[in-house]
Amino acid sequence: MAARALRGSWGLRLLAARFSQRAAAGTEFRSAYSLDKLYPPRDGGTASDPASGNGIVSGWDCAEEEAKPAALSIPMDRLTVSYSRSSGPGGQNVNKVNTKAEVRFHLASADWIPEAVREKMASMHRNKINRAGELIVNSEESRYQMRNLAICLEKIRVMVTEATEKPKVVSKETAQQLVARVEKMNRERLRQKKIHSNIKQSRKADFD
């Protein structure tokens, strides 16, 4: 009994020593689904923990950075993040863990988004804004809480990008082609309708 207790004590000491060595070397133990891995930072920065409430989460990798415009930096301290039980994938885990993520922020006062873009977002996403003027985004696509949070942040990015894009200017030639195409479709529709009407009339004549 004493020998077993001694071995257990020695094992705990060895484990604690290993943890201290890793901590001294600067090694951190992070889940594969931590926010900094699901939502990597850009410009060599580090993604802050949303629980701290004072970080800025951003990021596309270098390859995507070249093909896309600069990603929007989302100040986490300006967001209200909450979690609840999800009805999504996860089996019995759904009923036990708060994995569904909800992110909301006051759109009119979100000065980290250009004013013109905010106005367009308010028009495009009226059904996602509550009476208090908060834009609400949620996700329950994953069984992991941090991944759902990353999806919410990406949805906000997409909303801002869509509101930022200017409408494409249609050339005169393209507009004429579209009008001609619509007119051709209408003529064909009327032709088919007339054929169908003639068939019905011929059947009625035969019956009489």
N, C-alpha and C. Protein backbone atom coordinates (compact mmCIF):
# COMPACT_ATOMS: atom_id res chain seq x y z
N MET A 1 0.84 -1.21 0.00
CA MET A 1 0.00 0.00 0.00
C MET A 1 0.88 1.26 0.00
N ALA A 2 1.87 1.25 0.89
CA ALA A 2 2.78 2.39 0.98
C ALA A 2 3.59 2.54 -0.30
N ALA A 3 3.99 1.36 -0.87
CA ALA A 3 4.77 1.41 -2.12
C ALA A 3 3.93 1.99 -3.25
N ARG A 4 2.63 1.59 -3.29
CA ARG A 4 1.74 2.12 -4.33
C ARG A 4 1.56 3.62 -4.18
N ALA A 5 1.38 4.09 -2.95
CA ALA A 5 1.24 5.52 -2.71
C ALA A 5 2.50 6.27 -3.11
N LEU A 6 3.67 5.64 -2.83
CA LEU A 6 4.94 6.27 -3.18
C LEU A 6 5.07 6.40 -4.70
N ARG A 7 4.69 5.30 -5.43
CA ARG A 7 4.76 5.34 -6.88
C ARG A 7 3.81 6.40 -7.45
N GLY A 8 2.59 6.51 -6.87
CA GLY A 8 1.63 7.52 -7.33
C GLY A 8 2.16 8.92 -7.11
N SER A 9 2.76 9.16 -5.95
CA SER A 9 3.32 10.48 -5.64
C SER A 9 4.46 10.81 -6.60
N TRP A 10 5.30 9.81 -6.88
CA TRP A 10 6.43 10.03 -7.79
C TRP A 10 5.93 10.33 -9.19
N GLY A 11 4.86 9.65 -9.63
CA GLY A 11 4.29 9.89 -10.96
C GLY A 11 3.75 11.30 -11.09
N LEU A 12 3.07 11.78 -10.04
CA LEU A 12 2.54 13.15 -10.07
C LEU A 12 3.66 14.17 -10.15
N ARG A 13 4.74 13.91 -9.40
CA ARG A 13 5.88 14.83 -9.44
C ARG A 13 6.51 14.88 -10.83
N LEU A 14 6.62 13.69 -11.46
CA LEU A 14 7.21 13.63 -12.79
C LEU A 14 6.35 14.38 -13.80
N LEU A 15 5.02 14.21 -13.70
CA LEU A 15 4.11 14.90 -14.60
C LEU A 15 4.20 16.42 -14.40
N ALA A 16 4.23 16.84 -13.15
CA ALA A 16 4.33 18.28 -12.86
C ALA A 16 5.64 18.85 -13.39
N ALA A 17 6.72 18.06 -13.29
CA ALA A 17 8.01 18.53 -13.79
C ALA A 17 7.98 18.71 -15.30
N ARG A 18 7.32 17.77 -15.99
CA ARG A 18 7.23 17.89 -17.45
C ARG A 18 6.44 19.13 -17.85
N PHE A 19 5.34 19.37 -17.15
CA PHE A 19 4.54 20.56 -17.46
C PHE A 19 5.34 21.83 -17.22
N SER A 20 6.13 21.86 -16.10
CA SER A 20 6.93 23.05 -15.83
C SER A 20 7.99 23.28 -16.88
N GLN A 21 8.58 22.15 -17.40
CA GLN A 21 9.60 22.30 -18.43
C GLN A 21 8.99 22.86 -19.71
N ARG A 22 7.83 22.37 -20.06
CA ARG A 22 7.17 22.87 -21.28
C ARG A 22 6.77 24.33 -21.11
N ALA A 23 6.29 24.68 -19.93
CA ALA A 23 5.90 26.07 -19.69
C ALA A 23 7.11 26.99 -19.77
N ALA A 24 8.25 26.50 -19.21
CA ALA A 24 9.46 27.32 -19.24
C ALA A 24 9.95 27.50 -20.67
N ALA A 25 9.72 26.48 -21.51
CA ALA A 25 10.15 26.57 -22.91
C ALA A 25 9.18 27.36 -23.76
N GLY A 26 8.07 27.81 -23.18
CA GLY A 26 7.11 28.61 -23.92
C GLY A 26 6.10 27.78 -24.68
N THR A 27 5.99 26.49 -24.38
CA THR A 27 5.04 25.63 -25.09
C THR A 27 3.69 25.71 -24.42
N GLU A 28 2.64 25.94 -25.19
CA GLU A 28 1.28 26.02 -24.66
C GLU A 28 0.49 24.83 -25.16
N PHE A 29 -0.44 24.39 -24.32
CA PHE A 29 -1.29 23.28 -24.70
C PHE A 29 -2.61 23.86 -25.19
N ARG A 30 -2.86 23.72 -26.48
CA ARG A 30 -4.07 24.28 -27.08
C ARG A 30 -4.81 23.19 -27.83
N SER A 31 -6.10 23.27 -27.78
CA SER A 31 -6.94 22.33 -28.51
C SER A 31 -6.83 22.58 -30.00
N ALA A 32 -7.10 21.54 -30.80
CA ALA A 32 -7.11 21.68 -32.25
C ALA A 32 -8.21 22.61 -32.71
N TYR A 33 -9.18 22.89 -31.82
CA TYR A 33 -10.30 23.74 -32.18
C TYR A 33 -10.25 25.08 -31.46
N SER A 34 -9.06 25.49 -30.99
CA SER A 34 -8.94 26.79 -30.37
C SER A 34 -9.11 27.88 -31.42
N LEU A 35 -9.49 29.09 -30.98
CA LEU A 35 -9.84 30.17 -31.90
C LEU A 35 -8.67 30.58 -32.78
N ASP A 36 -7.44 30.56 -32.22
CA ASP A 36 -6.30 31.00 -33.01
C ASP A 36 -5.96 30.03 -34.13
N LYS A 37 -6.44 28.77 -34.03
CA LYS A 37 -6.20 27.80 -35.10
C LYS A 37 -7.34 27.80 -36.11
N LEU A 38 -8.56 27.96 -35.61
CA LEU A 38 -9.71 28.01 -36.51
C LEU A 38 -9.78 29.33 -37.24
N TYR A 39 -9.29 30.39 -36.62
CA TYR A 39 -9.41 31.74 -37.16
C TYR A 39 -8.04 32.41 -37.09
N PRO A 40 -7.08 31.97 -37.93
CA PRO A 40 -5.68 32.40 -37.77
C PRO A 40 -5.51 33.89 -37.97
N PRO A 41 -4.52 34.49 -37.28
CA PRO A 41 -4.28 35.93 -37.43
C PRO A 41 -3.58 36.25 -38.72
N ARG A 42 -3.63 37.52 -39.12
CA ARG A 42 -2.88 37.96 -40.29
C ARG A 42 -1.80 38.93 -39.85
N ASP A 43 -0.88 39.21 -40.77
CA ASP A 43 0.24 40.13 -40.53
C ASP A 43 1.11 39.67 -39.37
N GLY A 44 1.17 38.34 -39.16
CA GLY A 44 2.05 37.82 -38.13
C GLY A 44 1.60 38.07 -36.73
N GLY A 45 0.37 38.55 -36.52
CA GLY A 45 -0.12 38.82 -35.18
C GLY A 45 -0.63 37.56 -34.53
N THR A 46 -1.16 37.72 -33.33
CA THR A 46 -1.74 36.59 -32.61
C THR A 46 -3.18 36.88 -32.33
N ALA A 47 -4.01 35.86 -32.48
CA ALA A 47 -5.44 36.03 -32.20
C ALA A 47 -5.65 36.00 -30.71
N SER A 48 -6.41 36.93 -30.21
CA SER A 48 -6.65 37.02 -28.79
C SER A 48 -7.82 36.15 -28.39
N ASP A 49 -7.79 35.73 -27.15
CA ASP A 49 -8.87 34.93 -26.61
C ASP A 49 -10.10 35.80 -26.45
N PRO A 50 -11.28 35.42 -27.04
CA PRO A 50 -12.47 36.26 -26.92
C PRO A 50 -12.95 36.41 -25.49
N ALA A 51 -12.56 35.48 -24.64
CA ALA A 51 -13.00 35.58 -23.25
C ALA A 51 -12.36 36.76 -22.55
N SER A 52 -11.18 37.18 -23.03
CA SER A 52 -10.51 38.30 -22.38
C SER A 52 -11.20 39.62 -22.68
N GLY A 53 -11.93 39.68 -23.81
CA GLY A 53 -12.73 40.86 -24.12
C GLY A 53 -11.94 42.06 -24.59
N ASN A 54 -10.64 41.89 -24.92
CA ASN A 54 -9.89 43.05 -25.38
C ASN A 54 -9.03 42.73 -26.59
N GLY A 55 -9.39 41.71 -27.34
CA GLY A 55 -8.58 41.32 -28.48
C GLY A 55 -9.20 41.72 -29.78
N ILE A 56 -8.44 41.53 -30.86
CA ILE A 56 -8.94 41.75 -32.20
C ILE A 56 -8.67 40.48 -32.98
N VAL A 57 -9.70 39.89 -33.52
CA VAL A 57 -9.57 38.65 -34.26
C VAL A 57 -9.62 38.96 -35.74
N SER A 58 -8.67 38.45 -36.49
CA SER A 58 -8.65 38.72 -37.91
C SER A 58 -7.91 37.60 -38.61
N GLY A 59 -8.04 37.54 -39.94
CA GLY A 59 -7.09 36.73 -40.61
C GLY A 59 -7.44 35.90 -41.79
N TRP A 60 -6.67 36.06 -42.87
CA TRP A 60 -6.60 35.12 -43.97
C TRP A 60 -5.14 34.68 -44.02
N ASP A 61 -4.88 33.51 -44.55
CA ASP A 61 -3.48 33.11 -44.68
C ASP A 61 -2.83 33.89 -45.83
N CYS A 62 -1.52 33.73 -46.00
CA CYS A 62 -0.77 34.56 -46.95
C CYS A 62 -1.23 34.34 -48.38
N ALA A 63 -1.54 33.10 -48.74
CA ALA A 63 -1.96 32.83 -50.12
C ALA A 63 -3.27 33.52 -50.43
N GLU A 64 -4.20 33.46 -49.49
CA GLU A 64 -5.50 34.08 -49.70
C GLU A 64 -5.40 35.60 -49.60
N GLU A 65 -4.44 36.09 -48.83
CA GLU A 65 -4.28 37.54 -48.66
C GLU A 65 -3.96 38.22 -49.98
N GLU A 66 -3.20 37.50 -50.84
CA GLU A 66 -2.83 38.10 -52.12
C GLU A 66 -4.01 38.18 -53.06
N ALA A 67 -4.93 37.19 -52.97
CA ALA A 67 -6.05 37.14 -53.90
C ALA A 67 -7.25 37.93 -53.42
N LYS A 68 -7.31 38.26 -52.13
CA LYS A 68 -8.48 38.92 -51.57
C LYS A 68 -8.10 40.26 -50.97
N PRO A 69 -9.06 41.17 -50.82
CA PRO A 69 -8.76 42.44 -50.17
C PRO A 69 -8.45 42.24 -48.71
N ALA A 70 -7.89 43.27 -48.08
CA ALA A 70 -7.52 43.16 -46.67
C ALA A 70 -8.73 42.76 -45.83
N ALA A 71 -8.51 41.75 -44.99
CA ALA A 71 -9.61 41.22 -44.18
C ALA A 71 -9.99 42.23 -43.10
N LEU A 72 -11.26 42.22 -42.78
CA LEU A 72 -11.77 43.13 -41.76
C LEU A 72 -11.31 42.69 -40.38
N SER A 73 -10.79 43.62 -39.60
CA SER A 73 -10.42 43.34 -38.22
C SER A 73 -11.64 43.55 -37.33
N ILE A 74 -12.01 42.52 -36.62
CA ILE A 74 -13.21 42.56 -35.79
C ILE A 74 -12.80 42.73 -34.32
N PRO A 75 -13.09 43.86 -33.70
CA PRO A 75 -12.73 44.04 -32.28
C PRO A 75 -13.66 43.22 -31.38
N MET A 76 -13.10 42.22 -30.72
CA MET A 76 -13.91 41.32 -29.91
C MET A 76 -14.55 42.02 -28.72
N ASP A 77 -13.93 43.10 -28.24
CA ASP A 77 -14.50 43.81 -27.09
C ASP A 77 -15.75 44.60 -27.46
N ARG A 78 -16.05 44.72 -28.77
CA ARG A 78 -17.26 45.42 -29.20
C ARG A 78 -18.40 44.45 -29.50
N LEU A 79 -18.14 43.17 -29.32
CA LEU A 79 -19.13 42.14 -29.61
C LEU A 79 -19.68 41.56 -28.32
N THR A 80 -20.91 41.12 -28.36
CA THR A 80 -21.50 40.37 -27.25
C THR A 80 -21.63 38.93 -27.70
N VAL A 81 -20.86 38.05 -27.06
CA VAL A 81 -20.83 36.63 -27.44
C VAL A 81 -21.52 35.81 -26.36
N SER A 82 -22.40 34.93 -26.78
CA SER A 82 -23.09 34.05 -25.83
C SER A 82 -23.19 32.66 -26.45
N TYR A 83 -23.39 31.67 -25.57
CA TYR A 83 -23.48 30.28 -26.01
C TYR A 83 -24.73 29.64 -25.41
N SER A 84 -25.28 28.70 -26.15
CA SER A 84 -26.47 27.98 -25.68
C SER A 84 -26.44 26.57 -26.25
N ARG A 85 -27.38 25.77 -25.80
CA ARG A 85 -27.44 24.39 -26.30
C ARG A 85 -27.90 24.37 -27.74
N SER A 86 -27.25 23.53 -28.51
CA SER A 86 -27.48 23.49 -29.94
C SER A 86 -28.44 22.37 -30.31
N SER A 87 -29.15 22.58 -31.41
CA SER A 87 -29.99 21.52 -31.96
C SER A 87 -29.32 20.89 -33.16
N GLY A 88 -28.06 21.24 -33.40
CA GLY A 88 -27.32 20.75 -34.55
C GLY A 88 -26.68 19.40 -34.30
N PRO A 89 -25.61 19.06 -35.06
CA PRO A 89 -24.97 17.76 -34.93
C PRO A 89 -24.28 17.59 -33.58
N GLY A 90 -24.13 16.34 -33.17
CA GLY A 90 -23.43 16.09 -31.92
C GLY A 90 -24.05 15.00 -31.08
N GLY A 91 -25.21 14.48 -31.46
CA GLY A 91 -25.82 13.39 -30.71
C GLY A 91 -26.21 13.82 -29.32
N GLN A 92 -25.93 12.98 -28.33
CA GLN A 92 -26.29 13.28 -26.95
C GLN A 92 -25.51 14.47 -26.41
N ASN A 93 -24.38 14.77 -27.03
CA ASN A 93 -23.58 15.91 -26.59
C ASN A 93 -24.36 17.22 -26.71
N VAL A 94 -25.31 17.27 -27.65
CA VAL A 94 -26.11 18.48 -27.88
C VAL A 94 -26.87 18.87 -26.63
N ASN A 95 -27.36 17.91 -25.90
CA ASN A 95 -28.19 18.18 -24.73
C ASN A 95 -27.38 18.50 -23.48
N LYS A 96 -26.06 18.46 -23.56
CA LYS A 96 -25.23 18.63 -22.38
C LYS A 96 -24.34 19.87 -22.43
N VAL A 97 -23.91 20.26 -23.63
CA VAL A 97 -22.89 21.30 -23.75
C VAL A 97 -23.45 22.49 -24.54
N ASN A 98 -23.10 23.69 -24.11
CA ASN A 98 -23.52 24.91 -24.82
C ASN A 98 -22.56 25.15 -25.99
N THR A 99 -22.91 24.59 -27.15
CA THR A 99 -22.03 24.71 -28.32
C THR A 99 -22.52 25.74 -29.32
N LYS A 100 -23.79 26.09 -29.29
CA LYS A 100 -24.31 27.09 -30.23
C LYS A 100 -23.76 28.46 -29.86
N ALA A 101 -23.21 29.17 -30.84
CA ALA A 101 -22.62 30.49 -30.60
C ALA A 101 -23.52 31.57 -31.19
N GLU A 102 -23.65 32.67 -30.45
CA GLU A 102 -24.40 33.83 -30.92
C GLU A 102 -23.55 35.07 -30.72
N VAL A 103 -23.41 35.85 -31.78
CA VAL A 103 -22.63 37.09 -31.72
C VAL A 103 -23.54 38.24 -32.12
N ARG A 104 -23.53 39.30 -31.32
CA ARG A 104 -24.34 40.47 -31.63
C ARG A 104 -23.55 41.75 -31.35
N PHE A 105 -23.87 42.79 -32.10
CA PHE A 105 -23.25 44.10 -31.86
C PHE A 105 -24.19 45.17 -32.39
N HIS A 106 -24.07 46.37 -31.81
CA HIS A 106 -24.92 47.49 -32.21
C HIS A 106 -24.39 48.03 -33.53
N LEU A 107 -25.17 47.87 -34.58
CA LEU A 107 -24.69 48.18 -35.94
C LEU A 107 -24.45 49.66 -36.14
N ALA A 108 -25.35 50.50 -35.68
CA ALA A 108 -25.23 51.95 -35.94
C ALA A 108 -23.98 52.54 -35.31
N SER A 109 -23.54 52.00 -34.17
CA SER A 109 -22.37 52.55 -33.48
C SER A 109 -21.09 51.75 -33.74
N ALA A 110 -21.13 50.82 -34.67
CA ALA A 110 -19.95 50.01 -34.98
C ALA A 110 -19.01 50.81 -35.88
N ASP A 111 -18.21 51.70 -35.27
CA ASP A 111 -17.36 52.58 -36.06
C ASP A 111 -16.19 51.87 -36.74
N TRP A 112 -16.01 50.58 -36.45
CA TRP A 112 -14.98 49.81 -37.14
C TRP A 112 -15.45 49.36 -38.53
N ILE A 113 -16.70 49.69 -38.85
CA ILE A 113 -17.26 49.45 -40.19
C ILE A 113 -17.59 50.82 -40.78
N PRO A 114 -17.23 51.10 -42.03
CA PRO A 114 -17.56 52.40 -42.63
C PRO A 114 -19.06 52.69 -42.58
N GLU A 115 -19.40 53.95 -42.41
CA GLU A 115 -20.81 54.33 -42.23
C GLU A 115 -21.68 53.92 -43.42
N ALA A 116 -21.18 54.12 -44.64
CA ALA A 116 -21.96 53.75 -45.82
C ALA A 116 -22.22 52.25 -45.86
N VAL A 117 -21.24 51.48 -45.43
CA VAL A 117 -21.39 50.02 -45.40
C VAL A 117 -22.41 49.62 -44.34
N ARG A 118 -22.38 50.32 -43.20
CA ARG A 118 -23.36 50.02 -42.13
C ARG A 118 -24.78 50.27 -42.60
N GLU A 119 -24.97 51.37 -43.32
CA GLU A 119 -26.31 51.69 -43.82
C GLU A 119 -26.80 50.63 -44.79
N LYS A 120 -25.90 50.17 -45.65
CA LYS A 120 -26.28 49.13 -46.61
C LYS A 120 -26.56 47.81 -45.91
N MET A 121 -25.76 47.50 -44.88
CA MET A 121 -25.99 46.27 -44.12
C MET A 121 -27.34 46.31 -43.41
N ALA A 122 -27.71 47.48 -42.90
CA ALA A 122 -29.00 47.61 -42.23
C ALA A 122 -30.15 47.36 -43.19
N SER A 123 -29.95 47.73 -44.45
CA SER A 123 -30.99 47.50 -45.45
C SER A 123 -31.00 46.05 -45.92
N MET A 124 -29.83 45.46 -46.07
CA MET A 124 -29.74 44.09 -46.59
C MET A 124 -30.13 43.03 -45.56
N HIS A 125 -29.90 43.33 -44.27
CA HIS A 125 -30.11 42.32 -43.23
C HIS A 125 -31.09 42.83 -42.16
N ARG A 126 -32.19 43.38 -42.62
CA ARG A 126 -33.20 43.90 -41.68
C ARG A 126 -33.73 42.81 -40.76
N ASN A 127 -33.86 41.59 -41.28
CA ASN A 127 -34.43 40.51 -40.48
C ASN A 127 -33.48 39.99 -39.41
N LYS A 128 -32.22 40.44 -39.41
CA LYS A 128 -31.26 40.00 -38.41
C LYS A 128 -30.95 41.09 -37.39
N ILE A 129 -31.68 42.19 -37.45
CA ILE A 129 -31.46 43.30 -36.52
C ILE A 129 -32.66 43.40 -35.58
N ASN A 130 -32.39 43.41 -34.27
CA ASN A 130 -33.49 43.48 -33.30
C ASN A 130 -33.91 44.93 -33.06
N ARG A 131 -34.86 45.11 -32.16
CA ARG A 131 -35.38 46.45 -31.90
C ARG A 131 -34.35 47.37 -31.28
N ALA A 132 -33.37 46.78 -30.60
CA ALA A 132 -32.31 47.59 -30.00
C ALA A 132 -31.26 48.00 -31.02
N GLY A 133 -31.41 47.58 -32.28
CA GLY A 133 -30.44 47.94 -33.31
C GLY A 133 -29.23 47.04 -33.35
N GLU A 134 -29.33 45.86 -32.73
CA GLU A 134 -28.21 44.93 -32.71
C GLU A 134 -28.32 43.94 -33.86
N LEU A 135 -27.23 43.77 -34.57
CA LEU A 135 -27.15 42.75 -35.62
C LEU A 135 -26.78 41.43 -34.96
N ILE A 136 -27.59 40.40 -35.17
CA ILE A 136 -27.40 39.12 -34.49
C ILE A 136 -27.02 38.05 -35.52
N VAL A 137 -25.94 37.34 -35.22
CA VAL A 137 -25.47 36.24 -36.06
C VAL A 137 -25.26 35.03 -35.16
N ASN A 138 -25.69 33.87 -35.59
CA ASN A 138 -25.49 32.66 -34.78
C ASN A 138 -25.07 31.49 -35.64
N SER A 139 -24.53 30.47 -35.00
CA SER A 139 -24.11 29.27 -35.71
C SER A 139 -24.21 28.07 -34.77
N GLU A 140 -24.75 26.99 -35.30
CA GLU A 140 -24.78 25.71 -34.60
C GLU A 140 -24.39 24.59 -35.56
N GLU A 141 -23.58 24.97 -36.55
CA GLU A 141 -23.18 24.02 -37.58
C GLU A 141 -22.23 22.96 -37.04
N SER A 142 -21.46 23.31 -36.03
CA SER A 142 -20.46 22.38 -35.51
C SER A 142 -20.81 21.97 -34.08
N ARG A 143 -20.20 20.90 -33.62
CA ARG A 143 -20.39 20.47 -32.24
C ARG A 143 -19.35 21.11 -31.32
N TYR A 144 -18.47 21.95 -31.90
CA TYR A 144 -17.43 22.60 -31.12
C TYR A 144 -17.76 24.09 -30.97
N GLN A 145 -17.68 24.57 -29.75
CA GLN A 145 -18.07 25.94 -29.43
C GLN A 145 -17.21 26.97 -30.16
N MET A 146 -15.91 26.78 -30.15
CA MET A 146 -15.01 27.76 -30.76
C MET A 146 -15.14 27.78 -32.27
N ARG A 147 -15.44 26.62 -32.87
CA ARG A 147 -15.63 26.60 -34.32
C ARG A 147 -16.89 27.37 -34.69
N ASN A 148 -17.94 27.23 -33.90
CA ASN A 148 -19.16 27.99 -34.17
C ASN A 148 -18.92 29.49 -34.02
N LEU A 149 -18.10 29.87 -33.06
CA LEU A 149 -17.75 31.28 -32.91
C LEU A 149 -17.00 31.77 -34.14
N ALA A 150 -16.06 30.97 -34.65
CA ALA A 150 -15.32 31.35 -35.85
C ALA A 150 -16.25 31.49 -37.05
N ILE A 151 -17.26 30.63 -37.15
CA ILE A 151 -18.23 30.71 -38.25
C ILE A 151 -19.02 32.01 -38.15
N CYS A 152 -19.41 32.39 -36.93
CA CYS A 152 -20.14 33.65 -36.74
C CYS A 152 -19.30 34.84 -37.19
N LEU A 153 -18.04 34.85 -36.81
CA LEU A 153 -17.16 35.95 -37.20
C LEU A 153 -16.99 36.00 -38.72
N GLU A 154 -16.92 34.83 -39.33
CA GLU A 154 -16.78 34.79 -40.78
C GLU A 154 -18.07 35.28 -41.46
N LYS A 155 -19.22 35.00 -40.87
CA LYS A 155 -20.48 35.49 -41.42
C LYS A 155 -20.51 37.02 -41.40
N ILE A 156 -19.99 37.60 -40.32
CA ILE A 156 -19.93 39.07 -40.24
C ILE A 156 -19.02 39.62 -41.33
N ARG A 157 -17.90 38.96 -41.55
CA ARG A 157 -17.00 39.38 -42.62
C ARG A 157 -17.69 39.35 -43.98
N VAL A 158 -18.43 38.27 -44.24
CA VAL A 158 -19.12 38.13 -45.52
C VAL A 158 -20.17 39.24 -45.69
N MET A 159 -20.89 39.54 -44.60
CA MET A 159 -21.90 40.62 -44.67
C MET A 159 -21.24 41.95 -45.03
N VAL A 160 -20.12 42.24 -44.39
CA VAL A 160 -19.43 43.51 -44.66
C VAL A 160 -18.91 43.53 -46.09
N THR A 161 -18.37 42.39 -46.55
CA THR A 161 -17.84 42.32 -47.92
C THR A 161 -18.95 42.53 -48.94
N GLU A 162 -20.10 41.89 -48.72
CA GLU A 162 -21.22 42.03 -49.66
C GLU A 162 -21.74 43.46 -49.70
N ALA A 163 -21.75 44.12 -48.52
CA ALA A 163 -22.23 45.50 -48.48
C ALA A 163 -21.20 46.47 -49.06
N THR A 164 -19.95 46.06 -49.11
CA THR A 164 -18.89 46.92 -49.62
C THR A 164 -18.83 46.88 -51.14
N GLU A 165 -19.17 45.73 -51.72
CA GLU A 165 -19.07 45.57 -53.17
C GLU A 165 -20.02 46.52 -53.89
N LYS A 166 -19.50 47.17 -54.92
CA LYS A 166 -20.31 48.08 -55.72
C LYS A 166 -21.05 47.28 -56.80
N PRO A 167 -22.26 47.68 -57.14
CA PRO A 167 -23.00 46.95 -58.19
C PRO A 167 -22.28 47.04 -59.52
N LYS A 168 -22.31 45.94 -60.25
CA LYS A 168 -21.64 45.91 -61.55
C LYS A 168 -22.39 46.79 -62.55
N VAL A 169 -21.64 47.54 -63.34
CA VAL A 169 -22.22 48.38 -64.38
C VAL A 169 -22.40 47.55 -65.64
N VAL A 170 -23.64 47.43 -66.09
CA VAL A 170 -23.95 46.64 -67.29
C VAL A 170 -23.77 47.52 -68.51
N SER A 171 -23.00 47.03 -69.47
CA SER A 171 -22.77 47.80 -70.69
C SER A 171 -24.04 47.83 -71.55
N LYS A 172 -24.06 48.77 -72.51
CA LYS A 172 -25.24 48.92 -73.38
C LYS A 172 -25.46 47.66 -74.21
N GLU A 173 -24.37 47.07 -74.71
CA GLU A 173 -24.48 45.86 -75.52
C GLU A 173 -25.05 44.70 -74.71
N THR A 174 -24.57 44.56 -73.46
CA THR A 174 -25.06 43.48 -72.60
C THR A 174 -26.54 43.67 -72.28
N ALA A 175 -26.93 44.93 -72.03
CA ALA A 175 -28.34 45.21 -71.73
C ALA A 175 -29.23 44.86 -72.92
N GLN A 176 -28.76 45.18 -74.13
CA GLN A 176 -29.53 44.85 -75.34
C GLN A 176 -29.65 43.34 -75.53
N GLN A 177 -28.59 42.62 -75.22
CA GLN A 177 -28.62 41.16 -75.33
C GLN A 177 -29.62 40.57 -74.34
N LEU A 178 -29.65 41.12 -73.13
CA LEU A 178 -30.59 40.62 -72.12
C LEU A 178 -32.02 40.88 -72.54
N VAL A 179 -32.29 42.08 -73.07
CA VAL A 179 -33.64 42.41 -73.53
C VAL A 179 -34.07 41.49 -74.67
N ALA A 180 -33.14 41.26 -75.62
CA ALA A 180 -33.45 40.37 -76.74
C ALA A 180 -33.72 38.95 -76.27
N ARG A 181 -32.97 38.51 -75.26
CA ARG A 181 -33.15 37.16 -74.72
C ARG A 181 -34.52 37.03 -74.06
N VAL A 182 -34.92 38.04 -73.31
CA VAL A 182 -36.22 38.00 -72.64
C VAL A 182 -37.35 38.01 -73.67
N GLU A 183 -37.21 38.85 -74.70
CA GLU A 183 -38.24 38.90 -75.74
C GLU A 183 -38.36 37.56 -76.48
N LYS A 184 -37.23 36.92 -76.74
CA LYS A 184 -37.25 35.62 -77.40
C LYS A 184 -37.94 34.57 -76.53
N MET A 185 -37.66 34.61 -75.22
CA MET A 185 -38.31 33.67 -74.30
C MET A 185 -39.82 33.91 -74.26
N ASN A 186 -40.24 35.17 -74.28
CA ASN A 186 -41.67 35.48 -74.27
C ASN A 186 -42.36 35.00 -75.54
N ARG A 187 -41.69 35.20 -76.68
CA ARG A 187 -42.27 34.72 -77.94
C ARG A 187 -42.43 33.21 -77.94
N GLU A 188 -41.41 32.53 -77.44
CA GLU A 188 -41.49 31.06 -77.38
C GLU A 188 -42.58 30.61 -76.42
N ARG A 189 -42.72 31.31 -75.31
CA ARG A 189 -43.77 30.96 -74.35
C ARG A 189 -45.16 31.12 -74.98
N LEU A 190 -45.37 32.23 -75.71
CA LEU A 190 -46.67 32.46 -76.37
C LEU A 190 -46.92 31.43 -77.47
N ARG A 191 -45.85 31.04 -78.17
CA ARG A 191 -46.00 30.04 -79.23
C ARG A 191 -46.44 28.70 -78.65
N GLN A 192 -45.78 28.30 -77.55
CA GLN A 192 -46.14 27.03 -76.91
C GLN A 192 -47.56 27.10 -76.34
N LYS A 193 -47.93 28.25 -75.84
CA LYS A 193 -49.28 28.42 -75.31
C LYS A 193 -50.33 28.30 -76.41
N LYS A 194 -50.03 28.87 -77.58
CA LYS A 194 -50.97 28.79 -78.70
C LYS A 194 -51.10 27.36 -79.20
N ILE A 195 -49.99 26.64 -79.27
CA ILE A 195 -50.03 25.23 -79.70
C ILE A 195 -50.89 24.42 -78.74
N HIS A 196 -50.68 24.64 -77.45
CA HIS A 196 -51.46 23.91 -76.44
C HIS A 196 -52.94 24.23 -76.55
N SER A 197 -53.27 25.51 -76.84
CA SER A 197 -54.66 25.91 -76.98
C SER A 197 -55.30 25.25 -78.20
N ASN A 198 -54.55 25.17 -79.33
CA ASN A 198 -55.07 24.54 -80.54
C ASN A 198 -55.34 23.05 -80.32
N ILE A 199 -54.46 22.41 -79.55
CA ILE A 199 -54.66 20.98 -79.26
C ILE A 199 -55.95 20.77 -78.46
N LYS A 200 -56.17 21.64 -77.48
CA LYS A 200 -57.39 21.52 -76.66
C LYS A 200 -58.64 21.77 -77.51
N GLN A 201 -58.56 22.74 -78.42
CA GLN A 201 -59.69 23.04 -79.28
C GLN A 201 -60.00 21.88 -80.22
N SER A 202 -58.96 21.24 -80.74
CA SER A 202 -59.18 20.10 -81.63
C SER A 202 -59.80 18.93 -80.89
N ARG A 203 -59.41 18.72 -79.67
CA ARG A 203 -60.01 17.63 -78.87
C ARG A 203 -61.48 17.92 -78.60
N LYS A 204 -61.78 19.18 -78.33
CA LYS A 204 -63.18 19.55 -78.08
C LYS A 204 -64.03 19.36 -79.32
N ALA A 205 -63.51 19.69 -80.50
CA ALA A 205 -64.25 19.53 -81.75
C ALA A 205 -64.51 18.06 -82.01
N ASP A 206 -63.54 17.19 -81.78
CA ASP A 206 -63.71 15.76 -81.99
C ASP A 206 -64.77 15.20 -81.08
N PHE A 207 -64.81 15.70 -79.83
CA PHE A 207 -65.80 15.21 -78.87
C PHE A 207 -67.22 15.58 -79.28
N ASP A 208 -67.38 16.80 -79.82
CA ASP A 208 -68.70 17.25 -80.27
C ASP A 208 -69.15 16.43 -81.48
